[in-house]
N, C-alpha and C. Protein backbone atom coordinates (compact mmCIF):
# COMPACT_ATOMS: atom_id res chain seq x y z
N MET A 1 247.53 185.50 101.67
CA MET A 1 248.15 184.31 101.08
C MET A 1 249.67 184.46 101.03
N THR A 2 250.15 185.66 100.71
CA THR A 2 251.59 185.88 100.66
C THR A 2 252.21 185.72 102.05
N ARG A 3 251.53 186.20 103.06
CA ARG A 3 252.03 186.04 104.43
C ARG A 3 252.06 184.57 104.82
N THR A 4 251.02 183.84 104.44
CA THR A 4 251.00 182.43 104.75
C THR A 4 252.16 181.67 104.13
N MET A 5 252.43 181.93 102.83
CA MET A 5 253.52 181.29 102.14
C MET A 5 254.85 181.64 102.76
N ALA A 6 254.98 182.89 103.24
CA ALA A 6 256.24 183.29 103.89
C ALA A 6 256.46 182.54 105.18
N ARG A 7 255.37 182.33 105.93
CA ARG A 7 255.47 181.55 107.18
C ARG A 7 255.86 180.09 106.87
N VAL A 8 255.24 179.53 105.82
CA VAL A 8 255.52 178.16 105.45
C VAL A 8 256.98 178.01 105.05
N ARG A 9 257.47 178.94 104.22
CA ARG A 9 258.87 178.87 103.78
C ARG A 9 259.82 179.03 104.96
N SER A 10 259.50 179.94 105.88
CA SER A 10 260.35 180.15 107.03
C SER A 10 260.44 178.89 107.88
N SER A 11 259.32 178.18 108.05
CA SER A 11 259.34 176.95 108.85
C SER A 11 260.21 175.90 108.15
N ASP A 12 260.12 175.79 106.83
CA ASP A 12 260.97 174.85 106.11
C ASP A 12 262.44 175.17 106.28
N VAL A 13 262.78 176.45 106.14
CA VAL A 13 264.19 176.89 106.22
C VAL A 13 264.73 176.63 107.60
N LEU A 14 263.98 177.00 108.66
CA LEU A 14 264.41 176.82 110.02
C LEU A 14 264.67 175.34 110.32
N LEU A 15 263.72 174.50 109.93
CA LEU A 15 263.87 173.07 110.18
C LEU A 15 265.04 172.53 109.36
N GLY A 16 265.18 172.95 108.09
CA GLY A 16 266.28 172.50 107.27
C GLY A 16 267.63 172.86 107.83
N VAL A 17 267.78 174.08 108.27
CA VAL A 17 269.05 174.56 108.84
C VAL A 17 269.39 173.77 110.09
N TRP A 18 268.37 173.55 110.93
CA TRP A 18 268.61 172.84 112.20
C TRP A 18 269.03 171.38 111.94
N LEU A 19 268.33 170.73 111.01
CA LEU A 19 268.65 169.34 110.71
C LEU A 19 270.01 169.21 110.00
N LEU A 20 270.35 170.21 109.20
CA LEU A 20 271.68 170.22 108.58
C LEU A 20 272.76 170.34 109.65
N ALA A 21 272.55 171.19 110.61
CA ALA A 21 273.53 171.34 111.71
C ALA A 21 273.66 170.02 112.49
N LEU A 22 272.53 169.37 112.72
CA LEU A 22 272.54 168.05 113.40
C LEU A 22 273.30 167.03 112.57
N GLY A 23 273.06 167.02 111.25
CA GLY A 23 273.73 166.10 110.37
C GLY A 23 275.24 166.31 110.36
N GLY A 24 275.67 167.59 110.31
CA GLY A 24 277.09 167.89 110.36
C GLY A 24 277.70 167.49 111.68
N PHE A 25 276.95 167.71 112.75
CA PHE A 25 277.41 167.41 114.11
C PHE A 25 277.77 165.93 114.24
N VAL A 26 276.81 165.05 113.88
CA VAL A 26 277.02 163.62 114.05
C VAL A 26 278.01 163.08 113.01
N ASP A 27 278.06 163.69 111.83
CA ASP A 27 279.00 163.21 110.82
C ASP A 27 280.44 163.47 111.23
N ALA A 28 280.68 164.61 111.88
CA ALA A 28 282.04 164.91 112.34
C ALA A 28 282.48 163.93 113.43
N ILE A 29 281.55 163.61 114.32
CA ILE A 29 281.87 162.63 115.39
C ILE A 29 282.18 161.27 114.75
N ALA A 30 281.36 160.89 113.79
CA ALA A 30 281.56 159.60 113.11
C ALA A 30 282.91 159.58 112.39
N PHE A 31 283.27 160.67 111.77
CA PHE A 31 284.53 160.72 111.04
C PHE A 31 285.72 160.43 111.94
N VAL A 32 285.64 160.95 113.18
CA VAL A 32 286.72 160.72 114.12
C VAL A 32 286.69 159.26 114.66
N VAL A 33 285.49 158.84 115.10
CA VAL A 33 285.37 157.52 115.68
C VAL A 33 285.66 156.40 114.68
N LEU A 34 285.14 156.55 113.46
CA LEU A 34 285.27 155.52 112.44
C LEU A 34 286.52 155.72 111.58
N GLN A 35 287.36 156.68 111.97
CA GLN A 35 288.65 156.93 111.35
C GLN A 35 288.52 157.16 109.82
N GLY A 36 287.67 158.09 109.48
CA GLY A 36 287.59 158.51 108.08
C GLY A 36 286.34 158.12 107.34
N SER A 37 285.45 157.39 107.97
CA SER A 37 284.16 157.04 107.35
C SER A 37 283.07 157.99 107.88
N PHE A 38 281.91 157.94 107.23
CA PHE A 38 280.86 158.89 107.51
C PHE A 38 279.52 158.24 107.79
N VAL A 39 278.64 158.99 108.45
CA VAL A 39 277.27 158.52 108.63
C VAL A 39 276.26 159.37 107.86
N ALA A 40 276.71 160.44 107.23
CA ALA A 40 275.80 161.29 106.44
C ALA A 40 276.30 161.55 105.03
N PHE A 41 277.55 161.23 104.76
CA PHE A 41 278.16 161.55 103.47
C PHE A 41 278.39 160.23 102.69
N MET A 42 277.36 159.76 102.00
CA MET A 42 277.44 158.47 101.32
C MET A 42 278.32 158.51 100.08
N SER A 43 278.53 159.69 99.48
CA SER A 43 279.46 159.77 98.36
C SER A 43 280.85 159.40 98.81
N GLY A 44 281.23 159.91 99.97
CA GLY A 44 282.55 159.57 100.55
C GLY A 44 282.67 158.10 100.86
N ASN A 45 281.62 157.54 101.47
CA ASN A 45 281.66 156.12 101.79
C ASN A 45 281.70 155.23 100.54
N THR A 46 281.04 155.67 99.47
CA THR A 46 281.07 154.91 98.22
C THR A 46 282.48 154.93 97.61
N THR A 47 283.14 156.08 97.68
CA THR A 47 284.51 156.17 97.21
C THR A 47 285.43 155.25 98.02
N ILE A 48 285.25 155.26 99.34
CA ILE A 48 286.04 154.38 100.23
C ILE A 48 285.77 152.93 99.92
N LEU A 49 284.50 152.60 99.67
CA LEU A 49 284.13 151.24 99.36
C LEU A 49 284.83 150.77 98.09
N GLY A 50 284.81 151.59 97.06
CA GLY A 50 285.47 151.23 95.80
C GLY A 50 286.96 151.09 95.92
N SER A 51 287.59 152.08 96.57
CA SER A 51 289.06 152.06 96.64
C SER A 51 289.58 150.94 97.57
N SER A 52 288.86 150.72 98.66
CA SER A 52 289.28 149.68 99.61
C SER A 52 289.04 148.28 99.02
N THR A 53 288.00 148.12 98.22
CA THR A 53 287.79 146.85 97.53
C THR A 53 288.91 146.59 96.52
N ALA A 54 289.29 147.63 95.82
CA ALA A 54 290.35 147.49 94.80
C ALA A 54 291.69 147.14 95.43
N THR A 55 291.92 147.62 96.64
CA THR A 55 293.22 147.38 97.28
C THR A 55 293.19 146.24 98.30
N GLY A 56 292.04 145.56 98.38
CA GLY A 56 291.96 144.42 99.25
C GLY A 56 291.82 144.71 100.71
N GLN A 57 291.39 145.94 101.07
CA GLN A 57 291.14 146.30 102.46
C GLN A 57 289.70 145.94 102.84
N TRP A 58 289.48 144.64 103.07
CA TRP A 58 288.12 144.13 103.16
C TRP A 58 287.38 144.61 104.38
N SER A 59 288.05 144.82 105.49
CA SER A 59 287.35 145.30 106.71
C SER A 59 286.83 146.71 106.46
N LEU A 60 287.63 147.56 105.80
CA LEU A 60 287.18 148.91 105.52
C LEU A 60 286.06 148.92 104.48
N ALA A 61 286.18 148.02 103.51
CA ALA A 61 285.12 147.89 102.50
C ALA A 61 283.82 147.44 103.16
N GLY A 62 283.93 146.52 104.08
CA GLY A 62 282.74 146.03 104.80
C GLY A 62 282.11 147.11 105.62
N LEU A 63 282.92 147.93 106.30
CA LEU A 63 282.40 149.06 107.09
C LEU A 63 281.66 150.02 106.20
N SER A 64 282.23 150.36 105.07
CA SER A 64 281.61 151.31 104.16
C SER A 64 280.28 150.78 103.64
N ALA A 65 280.27 149.50 103.27
CA ALA A 65 279.04 148.90 102.78
C ALA A 65 277.96 148.88 103.87
N LEU A 66 278.36 148.59 105.10
CA LEU A 66 277.43 148.56 106.22
C LEU A 66 276.84 149.97 106.47
N LEU A 67 277.67 150.97 106.42
CA LEU A 67 277.19 152.34 106.63
C LEU A 67 276.21 152.77 105.53
N ILE A 68 276.52 152.40 104.31
CA ILE A 68 275.60 152.73 103.18
C ILE A 68 274.27 152.02 103.39
N CYS A 69 274.30 150.74 103.80
CA CYS A 69 273.05 149.99 104.02
C CYS A 69 272.24 150.60 105.18
N LEU A 70 272.93 151.00 106.25
CA LEU A 70 272.21 151.61 107.39
C LEU A 70 271.58 152.96 107.01
N PHE A 71 272.32 153.74 106.23
CA PHE A 71 271.81 155.03 105.74
C PHE A 71 270.59 154.79 104.87
N PHE A 72 270.69 153.83 103.96
CA PHE A 72 269.58 153.51 103.05
C PHE A 72 268.36 153.04 103.86
N THR A 73 268.61 152.25 104.91
CA THR A 73 267.51 151.81 105.77
C THR A 73 266.81 152.99 106.42
N GLY A 74 267.60 153.98 106.85
CA GLY A 74 267.00 155.18 107.45
C GLY A 74 266.16 155.95 106.42
N CYS A 75 266.68 156.08 105.20
CA CYS A 75 265.93 156.74 104.13
C CYS A 75 264.65 155.98 103.84
N LEU A 76 264.73 154.67 103.76
CA LEU A 76 263.59 153.83 103.43
C LEU A 76 262.53 153.96 104.52
N THR A 77 262.94 153.92 105.76
CA THR A 77 262.00 154.09 106.88
C THR A 77 261.35 155.45 106.86
N GLY A 78 262.16 156.47 106.60
CA GLY A 78 261.62 157.84 106.54
C GLY A 78 260.61 157.99 105.40
N ALA A 79 260.90 157.39 104.25
CA ALA A 79 259.98 157.47 103.12
C ALA A 79 258.66 156.77 103.45
N ALA A 80 258.75 155.61 104.11
CA ALA A 80 257.54 154.88 104.50
C ALA A 80 256.71 155.68 105.47
N ILE A 81 257.35 156.35 106.43
CA ILE A 81 256.63 157.17 107.39
C ILE A 81 255.91 158.31 106.69
N VAL A 82 256.61 158.99 105.78
CA VAL A 82 256.05 160.12 105.06
C VAL A 82 254.85 159.68 104.22
N ARG A 83 254.94 158.49 103.61
CA ARG A 83 253.89 158.05 102.71
C ARG A 83 252.66 157.54 103.44
N TRP A 84 252.87 156.78 104.54
CA TRP A 84 251.76 156.04 105.12
C TRP A 84 251.26 156.55 106.48
N ILE A 85 251.98 157.40 107.15
CA ILE A 85 251.54 157.82 108.48
C ILE A 85 250.47 158.92 108.39
N GLY A 86 250.57 159.76 107.32
CA GLY A 86 249.57 160.79 107.17
C GLY A 86 249.99 162.11 107.80
N SER A 87 249.04 162.84 108.36
CA SER A 87 249.31 164.17 108.87
C SER A 87 250.30 164.17 110.04
N ALA A 88 250.43 163.07 110.72
CA ALA A 88 251.38 162.99 111.87
C ALA A 88 252.76 162.54 111.43
N ALA A 89 253.01 162.46 110.13
CA ALA A 89 254.28 161.93 109.63
C ALA A 89 255.49 162.70 110.16
N HIS A 90 255.40 164.03 110.14
CA HIS A 90 256.55 164.81 110.57
C HIS A 90 256.90 164.54 112.01
N ARG A 91 255.92 164.50 112.89
CA ARG A 91 256.18 164.26 114.30
C ARG A 91 256.75 162.85 114.51
N VAL A 92 256.21 161.87 113.80
CA VAL A 92 256.72 160.49 113.90
C VAL A 92 258.14 160.41 113.41
N LEU A 93 258.43 161.13 112.31
CA LEU A 93 259.78 161.12 111.74
C LEU A 93 260.78 161.77 112.69
N MET A 94 260.41 162.90 113.27
CA MET A 94 261.30 163.58 114.21
C MET A 94 261.51 162.75 115.48
N ALA A 95 260.43 162.10 115.92
CA ALA A 95 260.56 161.19 117.08
C ALA A 95 261.50 160.03 116.77
N SER A 96 261.43 159.52 115.53
CA SER A 96 262.32 158.43 115.13
C SER A 96 263.78 158.86 115.12
N VAL A 97 264.01 160.11 114.61
CA VAL A 97 265.38 160.65 114.62
C VAL A 97 265.88 160.75 116.05
N THR A 98 265.03 161.24 116.96
CA THR A 98 265.41 161.42 118.36
C THR A 98 265.69 160.09 119.03
N LEU A 99 264.81 159.10 118.79
CA LEU A 99 264.99 157.78 119.42
C LEU A 99 266.26 157.07 118.94
N MET A 100 266.55 157.19 117.64
CA MET A 100 267.77 156.56 117.12
C MET A 100 269.02 157.27 117.63
N THR A 101 268.94 158.58 117.77
CA THR A 101 270.06 159.33 118.35
C THR A 101 270.26 158.93 119.80
N LEU A 102 269.15 158.77 120.53
CA LEU A 102 269.20 158.31 121.92
C LEU A 102 269.84 156.93 122.00
N ALA A 103 269.42 156.01 121.12
CA ALA A 103 269.98 154.67 121.11
C ALA A 103 271.50 154.71 120.84
N GLY A 104 271.90 155.54 119.88
CA GLY A 104 273.33 155.67 119.57
C GLY A 104 274.10 156.21 120.76
N ALA A 105 273.54 157.21 121.44
CA ALA A 105 274.22 157.79 122.58
C ALA A 105 274.37 156.81 123.72
N ILE A 106 273.29 156.03 123.97
CA ILE A 106 273.35 155.04 125.04
C ILE A 106 274.38 153.96 124.77
N VAL A 107 274.36 153.43 123.56
CA VAL A 107 275.32 152.37 123.19
C VAL A 107 276.75 152.92 123.23
N ALA A 108 276.94 154.11 122.70
CA ALA A 108 278.30 154.69 122.65
C ALA A 108 278.86 154.95 124.04
N ASN A 109 277.99 155.29 124.99
CA ASN A 109 278.48 155.67 126.32
C ASN A 109 278.46 154.52 127.32
N THR A 110 277.86 153.40 126.93
CA THR A 110 277.82 152.25 127.87
C THR A 110 278.45 150.97 127.33
N THR A 111 278.43 150.78 126.05
CA THR A 111 278.91 149.53 125.47
C THR A 111 280.11 149.72 124.55
N SER A 112 279.87 150.43 123.43
CA SER A 112 280.92 150.60 122.42
C SER A 112 280.69 151.90 121.67
N THR A 113 281.66 152.77 121.71
CA THR A 113 281.57 154.04 120.96
C THR A 113 281.43 153.75 119.49
N TRP A 114 282.11 152.73 118.99
CA TRP A 114 282.09 152.36 117.57
C TRP A 114 280.69 151.92 117.16
N LEU A 115 280.07 151.02 117.91
CA LEU A 115 278.74 150.52 117.61
C LEU A 115 277.68 151.64 117.71
N GLY A 116 277.81 152.46 118.73
CA GLY A 116 276.86 153.55 118.89
C GLY A 116 276.91 154.52 117.74
N THR A 117 278.13 154.76 117.24
CA THR A 117 278.29 155.66 116.11
C THR A 117 277.69 155.09 114.85
N LEU A 118 277.76 153.76 114.67
CA LEU A 118 277.18 153.12 113.50
C LEU A 118 275.70 153.42 113.39
N LEU A 119 275.01 153.45 114.54
CA LEU A 119 273.56 153.68 114.55
C LEU A 119 273.19 155.06 114.00
N LEU A 120 274.15 155.99 114.05
CA LEU A 120 273.89 157.33 113.59
C LEU A 120 273.73 157.39 112.07
N ALA A 121 274.16 156.36 111.36
CA ALA A 121 273.93 156.31 109.92
C ALA A 121 272.44 156.21 109.61
N VAL A 122 271.70 155.51 110.48
CA VAL A 122 270.24 155.46 110.33
C VAL A 122 269.66 156.86 110.57
N VAL A 123 270.20 157.55 111.52
CA VAL A 123 269.75 158.93 111.80
C VAL A 123 269.98 159.79 110.57
N GLY A 124 271.12 159.62 109.89
CA GLY A 124 271.41 160.38 108.68
C GLY A 124 270.36 160.15 107.62
N GLY A 125 269.95 158.90 107.44
CA GLY A 125 268.96 158.59 106.44
C GLY A 125 267.60 159.16 106.81
N LEU A 126 267.19 159.00 108.05
CA LEU A 126 265.91 159.55 108.51
C LEU A 126 265.87 161.07 108.34
N THR A 127 266.96 161.72 108.69
CA THR A 127 267.04 163.17 108.58
C THR A 127 266.85 163.64 107.16
N ASN A 128 267.42 162.94 106.21
CA ASN A 128 267.29 163.34 104.81
C ASN A 128 265.88 163.16 104.29
N SER A 129 265.05 162.38 104.97
CA SER A 129 263.66 162.20 104.53
C SER A 129 262.75 163.30 105.06
N ALA A 130 263.24 164.09 106.01
CA ALA A 130 262.37 165.06 106.68
C ALA A 130 261.83 166.10 105.72
N LEU A 131 262.64 166.57 104.77
CA LEU A 131 262.20 167.61 103.83
C LEU A 131 262.39 167.15 102.39
N ALA A 132 262.33 165.83 102.19
CA ALA A 132 262.57 165.32 100.84
C ALA A 132 261.44 165.64 99.86
N THR A 133 260.22 165.78 100.39
CA THR A 133 259.08 166.07 99.52
C THR A 133 258.27 167.25 100.08
N ASN A 134 257.56 167.93 99.20
CA ASN A 134 256.66 169.01 99.62
C ASN A 134 257.34 170.03 100.50
N SER A 135 258.47 170.53 100.02
CA SER A 135 259.28 171.47 100.82
C SER A 135 259.87 172.55 99.95
N ASP A 136 260.14 173.70 100.58
CA ASP A 136 260.83 174.77 99.87
C ASP A 136 262.35 174.67 99.99
N VAL A 137 262.82 173.69 100.72
CA VAL A 137 264.26 173.44 100.85
C VAL A 137 264.64 172.45 99.74
N HIS A 138 265.05 172.98 98.59
CA HIS A 138 265.30 172.14 97.42
C HIS A 138 266.74 171.70 97.30
N VAL A 139 267.29 171.24 98.41
CA VAL A 139 268.62 170.66 98.41
C VAL A 139 268.60 169.42 99.31
N GLY A 140 269.43 168.41 98.98
CA GLY A 140 269.53 167.27 99.88
C GLY A 140 270.15 167.74 101.18
N LEU A 141 269.56 167.33 102.29
CA LEU A 141 270.00 167.89 103.58
C LEU A 141 271.48 167.68 103.85
N THR A 142 272.00 166.48 103.58
CA THR A 142 273.42 166.28 103.82
C THR A 142 274.20 166.15 102.53
N TYR A 143 273.56 166.49 101.40
CA TYR A 143 274.25 166.43 100.12
C TYR A 143 274.82 167.81 99.82
N VAL A 144 275.90 168.16 100.53
CA VAL A 144 276.42 169.52 100.45
C VAL A 144 277.13 169.77 99.13
N THR A 145 277.57 168.71 98.45
CA THR A 145 278.17 168.90 97.13
C THR A 145 277.12 169.48 96.18
N GLY A 146 275.93 168.89 96.19
CA GLY A 146 274.83 169.42 95.36
C GLY A 146 274.43 170.81 95.75
N THR A 147 274.52 171.12 97.05
CA THR A 147 274.19 172.47 97.53
C THR A 147 275.14 173.49 96.96
N LEU A 148 276.43 173.19 96.93
CA LEU A 148 277.42 174.10 96.38
C LEU A 148 277.23 174.26 94.87
N VAL A 149 276.91 173.18 94.20
CA VAL A 149 276.65 173.24 92.72
C VAL A 149 275.48 174.14 92.44
N LYS A 150 274.38 173.95 93.21
CA LYS A 150 273.19 174.76 92.99
C LYS A 150 273.47 176.23 93.27
N ALA A 151 274.21 176.53 94.33
CA ALA A 151 274.53 177.92 94.67
C ALA A 151 275.33 178.57 93.57
N ALA A 152 276.30 177.83 93.00
CA ALA A 152 277.11 178.39 91.91
C ALA A 152 276.26 178.71 90.70
N HIS A 153 275.34 177.82 90.36
CA HIS A 153 274.47 178.06 89.20
C HIS A 153 273.53 179.23 89.44
N GLN A 154 273.05 179.36 90.70
CA GLN A 154 272.18 180.49 91.03
C GLN A 154 272.94 181.79 90.92
N LEU A 155 274.20 181.78 91.39
CA LEU A 155 275.01 183.00 91.34
C LEU A 155 275.15 183.49 89.89
N VAL A 156 275.47 182.57 89.00
CA VAL A 156 275.66 182.95 87.59
C VAL A 156 274.32 183.37 86.99
N ALA A 157 273.25 182.62 87.26
CA ALA A 157 271.96 182.93 86.69
C ALA A 157 271.40 184.28 87.15
N ASP A 158 271.79 184.71 88.35
CA ASP A 158 271.24 185.92 88.93
C ASP A 158 272.06 187.17 88.63
N ILE A 159 273.13 187.04 87.88
CA ILE A 159 273.93 188.20 87.51
C ILE A 159 273.08 189.17 86.68
N ARG A 160 273.11 190.43 87.02
CA ARG A 160 272.35 191.47 86.36
C ARG A 160 270.86 191.27 86.43
N THR A 161 270.40 190.67 87.54
CA THR A 161 268.97 190.58 87.76
C THR A 161 268.64 191.43 88.99
N THR A 162 267.35 191.47 89.35
CA THR A 162 266.92 192.28 90.50
C THR A 162 267.17 191.57 91.81
N HIS A 163 267.59 190.32 91.76
CA HIS A 163 267.89 189.57 93.00
C HIS A 163 269.25 188.86 92.88
N PRO A 164 270.34 189.62 92.84
CA PRO A 164 271.66 189.02 92.60
C PRO A 164 272.23 188.24 93.77
N TRP A 165 271.58 188.31 94.92
CA TRP A 165 272.14 187.68 96.12
C TRP A 165 271.36 186.46 96.59
N SER A 166 270.43 185.98 95.77
CA SER A 166 269.57 184.85 96.20
C SER A 166 270.38 183.59 96.42
N TRP A 167 271.55 183.47 95.76
CA TRP A 167 272.39 182.26 95.92
C TRP A 167 272.90 182.13 97.34
N LEU A 168 272.95 183.25 98.09
CA LEU A 168 273.45 183.19 99.47
C LEU A 168 272.53 182.36 100.36
N ALA A 169 271.22 182.33 100.02
CA ALA A 169 270.29 181.52 100.80
C ALA A 169 270.64 180.05 100.67
N THR A 170 271.01 179.64 99.46
CA THR A 170 271.38 178.23 99.26
C THR A 170 272.74 177.90 99.89
N ILE A 171 273.69 178.80 99.78
CA ILE A 171 275.00 178.55 100.38
C ILE A 171 274.90 178.51 101.90
N GLY A 172 273.84 179.13 102.42
CA GLY A 172 273.59 179.10 103.87
C GLY A 172 273.36 177.71 104.38
N TYR A 173 272.79 176.83 103.56
CA TYR A 173 272.59 175.44 103.99
C TYR A 173 273.93 174.72 104.14
N TRP A 174 274.84 175.01 103.22
CA TRP A 174 276.21 174.46 103.35
C TRP A 174 276.85 174.95 104.65
N PHE A 175 276.68 176.24 104.92
CA PHE A 175 277.26 176.84 106.10
C PHE A 175 276.72 176.19 107.37
N ALA A 176 275.41 175.91 107.38
CA ALA A 176 274.81 175.28 108.55
C ALA A 176 275.44 173.91 108.82
N PHE A 177 275.65 173.14 107.75
CA PHE A 177 276.29 171.84 107.89
C PHE A 177 277.71 172.00 108.41
N ALA A 178 278.43 172.96 107.87
CA ALA A 178 279.85 173.21 108.26
C ALA A 178 279.91 173.61 109.73
N VAL A 179 279.01 174.48 110.18
CA VAL A 179 278.99 174.89 111.58
C VAL A 179 278.68 173.68 112.47
N GLY A 180 277.72 172.88 112.07
CA GLY A 180 277.37 171.71 112.85
C GLY A 180 278.55 170.74 112.95
N ALA A 181 279.27 170.55 111.84
CA ALA A 181 280.43 169.67 111.84
C ALA A 181 281.55 170.20 112.74
N THR A 182 281.74 171.51 112.73
CA THR A 182 282.73 172.12 113.59
C THR A 182 282.38 171.92 115.06
N LEU A 183 281.13 172.16 115.40
CA LEU A 183 280.70 172.00 116.79
C LEU A 183 280.75 170.52 117.21
N GLY A 184 280.44 169.62 116.28
CA GLY A 184 280.52 168.19 116.58
C GLY A 184 281.97 167.79 116.86
N GLY A 185 282.90 168.25 116.02
CA GLY A 185 284.31 167.92 116.26
C GLY A 185 284.82 168.47 117.56
N LEU A 186 284.45 169.70 117.87
CA LEU A 186 284.89 170.32 119.13
C LEU A 186 284.28 169.58 120.33
N SER A 187 283.00 169.23 120.22
CA SER A 187 282.32 168.54 121.32
C SER A 187 282.96 167.19 121.59
N PHE A 188 283.26 166.45 120.52
CA PHE A 188 283.82 165.13 120.74
C PHE A 188 285.25 165.25 121.28
N HIS A 189 285.99 166.24 120.84
CA HIS A 189 287.35 166.46 121.34
C HIS A 189 287.33 166.74 122.84
N ARG A 190 286.32 167.43 123.31
CA ARG A 190 286.26 167.80 124.73
C ARG A 190 285.49 166.80 125.59
N LEU A 191 284.47 166.18 125.01
CA LEU A 191 283.55 165.33 125.79
C LEU A 191 283.68 163.86 125.50
N GLY A 192 284.28 163.52 124.36
CA GLY A 192 284.30 162.10 123.96
C GLY A 192 282.92 161.64 123.58
N PRO A 193 282.57 160.39 123.85
CA PRO A 193 281.26 159.86 123.45
C PRO A 193 280.10 160.64 124.06
N ALA A 194 280.33 161.33 125.16
CA ALA A 194 279.27 162.12 125.79
C ALA A 194 278.78 163.23 124.85
N ALA A 195 279.53 163.54 123.81
CA ALA A 195 279.10 164.57 122.86
C ALA A 195 277.81 164.14 122.16
N LEU A 196 277.52 162.83 122.15
CA LEU A 196 276.29 162.38 121.53
C LEU A 196 275.06 162.78 122.33
N TRP A 197 275.24 163.12 123.62
CA TRP A 197 274.11 163.63 124.37
C TRP A 197 273.78 165.05 123.87
N VAL A 198 274.76 165.77 123.40
CA VAL A 198 274.52 167.08 122.79
C VAL A 198 273.73 166.88 121.50
N ALA A 199 274.11 165.90 120.71
CA ALA A 199 273.39 165.58 119.50
C ALA A 199 271.93 165.22 119.81
N LEU A 200 271.74 164.49 120.89
CA LEU A 200 270.37 164.16 121.31
C LEU A 200 269.57 165.44 121.64
N GLY A 201 270.24 166.39 122.30
CA GLY A 201 269.56 167.66 122.58
C GLY A 201 269.14 168.37 121.30
N LEU A 202 270.01 168.35 120.28
CA LEU A 202 269.67 168.97 119.01
C LEU A 202 268.46 168.27 118.37
N ALA A 203 268.42 166.96 118.49
CA ALA A 203 267.31 166.20 117.93
C ALA A 203 266.00 166.49 118.64
N VAL A 204 266.07 166.66 119.97
CA VAL A 204 264.90 166.98 120.75
C VAL A 204 264.35 168.35 120.35
N VAL A 205 265.24 169.31 120.16
CA VAL A 205 264.81 170.65 119.71
C VAL A 205 264.13 170.56 118.35
N ALA A 206 264.67 169.70 117.47
CA ALA A 206 264.09 169.52 116.12
C ALA A 206 262.63 169.03 116.25
N CYS A 207 262.35 168.25 117.28
CA CYS A 207 260.98 167.75 117.49
C CYS A 207 259.99 168.88 117.76
N THR A 208 260.48 169.98 118.29
CA THR A 208 259.61 171.09 118.67
C THR A 208 259.40 172.08 117.54
N LEU A 209 260.18 171.99 116.47
CA LEU A 209 260.06 172.94 115.38
C LEU A 209 258.87 172.60 114.52
N PRO A 210 258.11 173.60 114.09
CA PRO A 210 256.90 173.36 113.30
C PRO A 210 257.23 172.84 111.91
N SER A 211 256.35 171.99 111.41
CA SER A 211 256.50 171.49 110.06
C SER A 211 255.71 172.33 109.09
N ARG A 212 255.94 172.15 107.80
CA ARG A 212 255.23 172.88 106.76
C ARG A 212 253.74 172.64 106.88
N ALA A 213 253.32 171.38 107.07
CA ALA A 213 251.90 171.05 107.14
C ALA A 213 251.25 171.75 108.33
N GLU A 214 251.95 171.76 109.47
CA GLU A 214 251.36 172.37 110.67
C GLU A 214 251.22 173.89 110.51
N VAL A 215 252.23 174.54 109.92
CA VAL A 215 252.16 175.98 109.72
C VAL A 215 251.05 176.32 108.72
N THR A 216 250.95 175.50 107.67
CA THR A 216 249.91 175.74 106.66
C THR A 216 248.51 175.59 107.27
N GLU A 217 248.32 174.55 108.06
CA GLU A 217 247.01 174.28 108.68
C GLU A 217 246.65 175.41 109.63
N THR A 218 247.62 175.88 110.41
CA THR A 218 247.38 176.96 111.36
C THR A 218 247.02 178.23 110.64
N SER A 219 247.74 178.56 109.56
CA SER A 219 247.49 179.77 108.80
C SER A 219 246.14 179.75 108.13
N ILE A 220 245.77 178.57 107.58
CA ILE A 220 244.45 178.45 106.93
C ILE A 220 243.34 178.63 107.93
N ARG A 221 243.53 178.02 109.11
CA ARG A 221 242.51 178.14 110.16
C ARG A 221 242.34 179.59 110.61
N ALA A 222 243.50 180.29 110.74
CA ALA A 222 243.46 181.69 111.17
C ALA A 222 242.77 182.55 110.09
N SER A 223 243.06 182.28 108.84
CA SER A 223 242.45 183.03 107.73
C SER A 223 240.94 182.80 107.70
N ALA A 224 240.54 181.55 107.95
CA ALA A 224 239.10 181.23 107.97
C ALA A 224 238.40 181.93 109.11
N ASP A 225 239.06 181.95 110.26
CA ASP A 225 238.48 182.66 111.42
C ASP A 225 238.34 184.16 111.14
N ASP A 226 239.38 184.73 110.51
CA ASP A 226 239.29 186.15 110.19
C ASP A 226 238.18 186.46 109.21
N ALA A 227 238.05 185.58 108.21
CA ALA A 227 236.99 185.77 107.21
C ALA A 227 235.61 185.66 107.84
N SER A 228 235.47 184.68 108.75
CA SER A 228 234.19 184.49 109.42
C SER A 228 233.87 185.69 110.29
N SER A 229 234.90 186.22 110.99
CA SER A 229 234.70 187.38 111.83
C SER A 229 234.31 188.60 111.04
N SER A 230 234.95 188.78 109.87
CA SER A 230 234.64 189.92 109.02
C SER A 230 233.23 189.84 108.49
N THR A 231 232.78 188.63 108.13
CA THR A 231 231.44 188.44 107.58
C THR A 231 230.39 188.75 108.63
N SER A 232 230.65 188.30 109.83
CA SER A 232 229.66 188.50 110.90
C SER A 232 229.54 189.96 111.30
N THR A 233 230.64 190.70 111.22
CA THR A 233 230.60 192.11 111.60
C THR A 233 230.00 192.97 110.50
N SER A 234 230.07 192.48 109.25
CA SER A 234 229.57 193.27 108.13
C SER A 234 228.09 193.06 107.87
N GLU A 235 227.47 192.02 108.50
CA GLU A 235 226.06 191.78 108.29
C GLU A 235 225.24 192.83 109.00
N PRO A 236 224.23 193.40 108.32
CA PRO A 236 223.41 194.41 108.96
C PRO A 236 222.54 193.79 110.06
N PRO A 237 222.31 194.53 111.12
CA PRO A 237 221.45 193.98 112.19
C PRO A 237 220.04 193.75 111.74
N GLN A 238 219.43 192.68 112.14
CA GLN A 238 218.08 192.37 111.76
C GLN A 238 217.08 193.28 112.46
N GLN A 239 216.04 193.72 111.71
CA GLN A 239 215.00 194.57 112.30
C GLN A 239 214.02 193.73 113.08
N PRO A 240 213.60 194.21 114.26
CA PRO A 240 212.64 193.46 115.05
C PRO A 240 211.28 193.43 114.36
């Protein structure tokens, strides 16, 4: 059982780190293209919405509101998939992330970089739904402010305990987002809109990573097979 739980947790962490890197990657591209707005950081967009409304910058306020609505739409869609699709929810959700990233890349490279980048806000919302429930990753995927707060509280709580370094696991999620953002910024600087094809590659890889449910099901099946094998070998041979 302990080994099974370790596998489940590892699958959650790997998927969480990968999706965080993807979130940071596309958010950095959006920050450059949209000149200071975000597709994964809705706290920032909310601040921009409020300040631009107060100063009469209506086009910027409209952009911020649109990004928030697109992000919320992605979250809403992801929540619906998780609730109603059933055991295939993870695969459908990851496929949705990939298809929306593909759509953004196509639009950005053929029609308008600005419009293609807007679509990535839906990707941000979908991504945040991937581990929102029934997961060992207890941080919002692109809510890095909350991640830093939680890491700080863990650091203080773990002083003079037998596990004083557990906070590093939480700060690692922030680091994954930061690395993804750095790579996204570098990719866009060198490749321009074509950097979104790299983001698509990251999304495709995410589709291949195992989910918690899949790892749990595989482990349970393996345990059942082992138990059945042990029972059959321990039974005494029948006398003729």
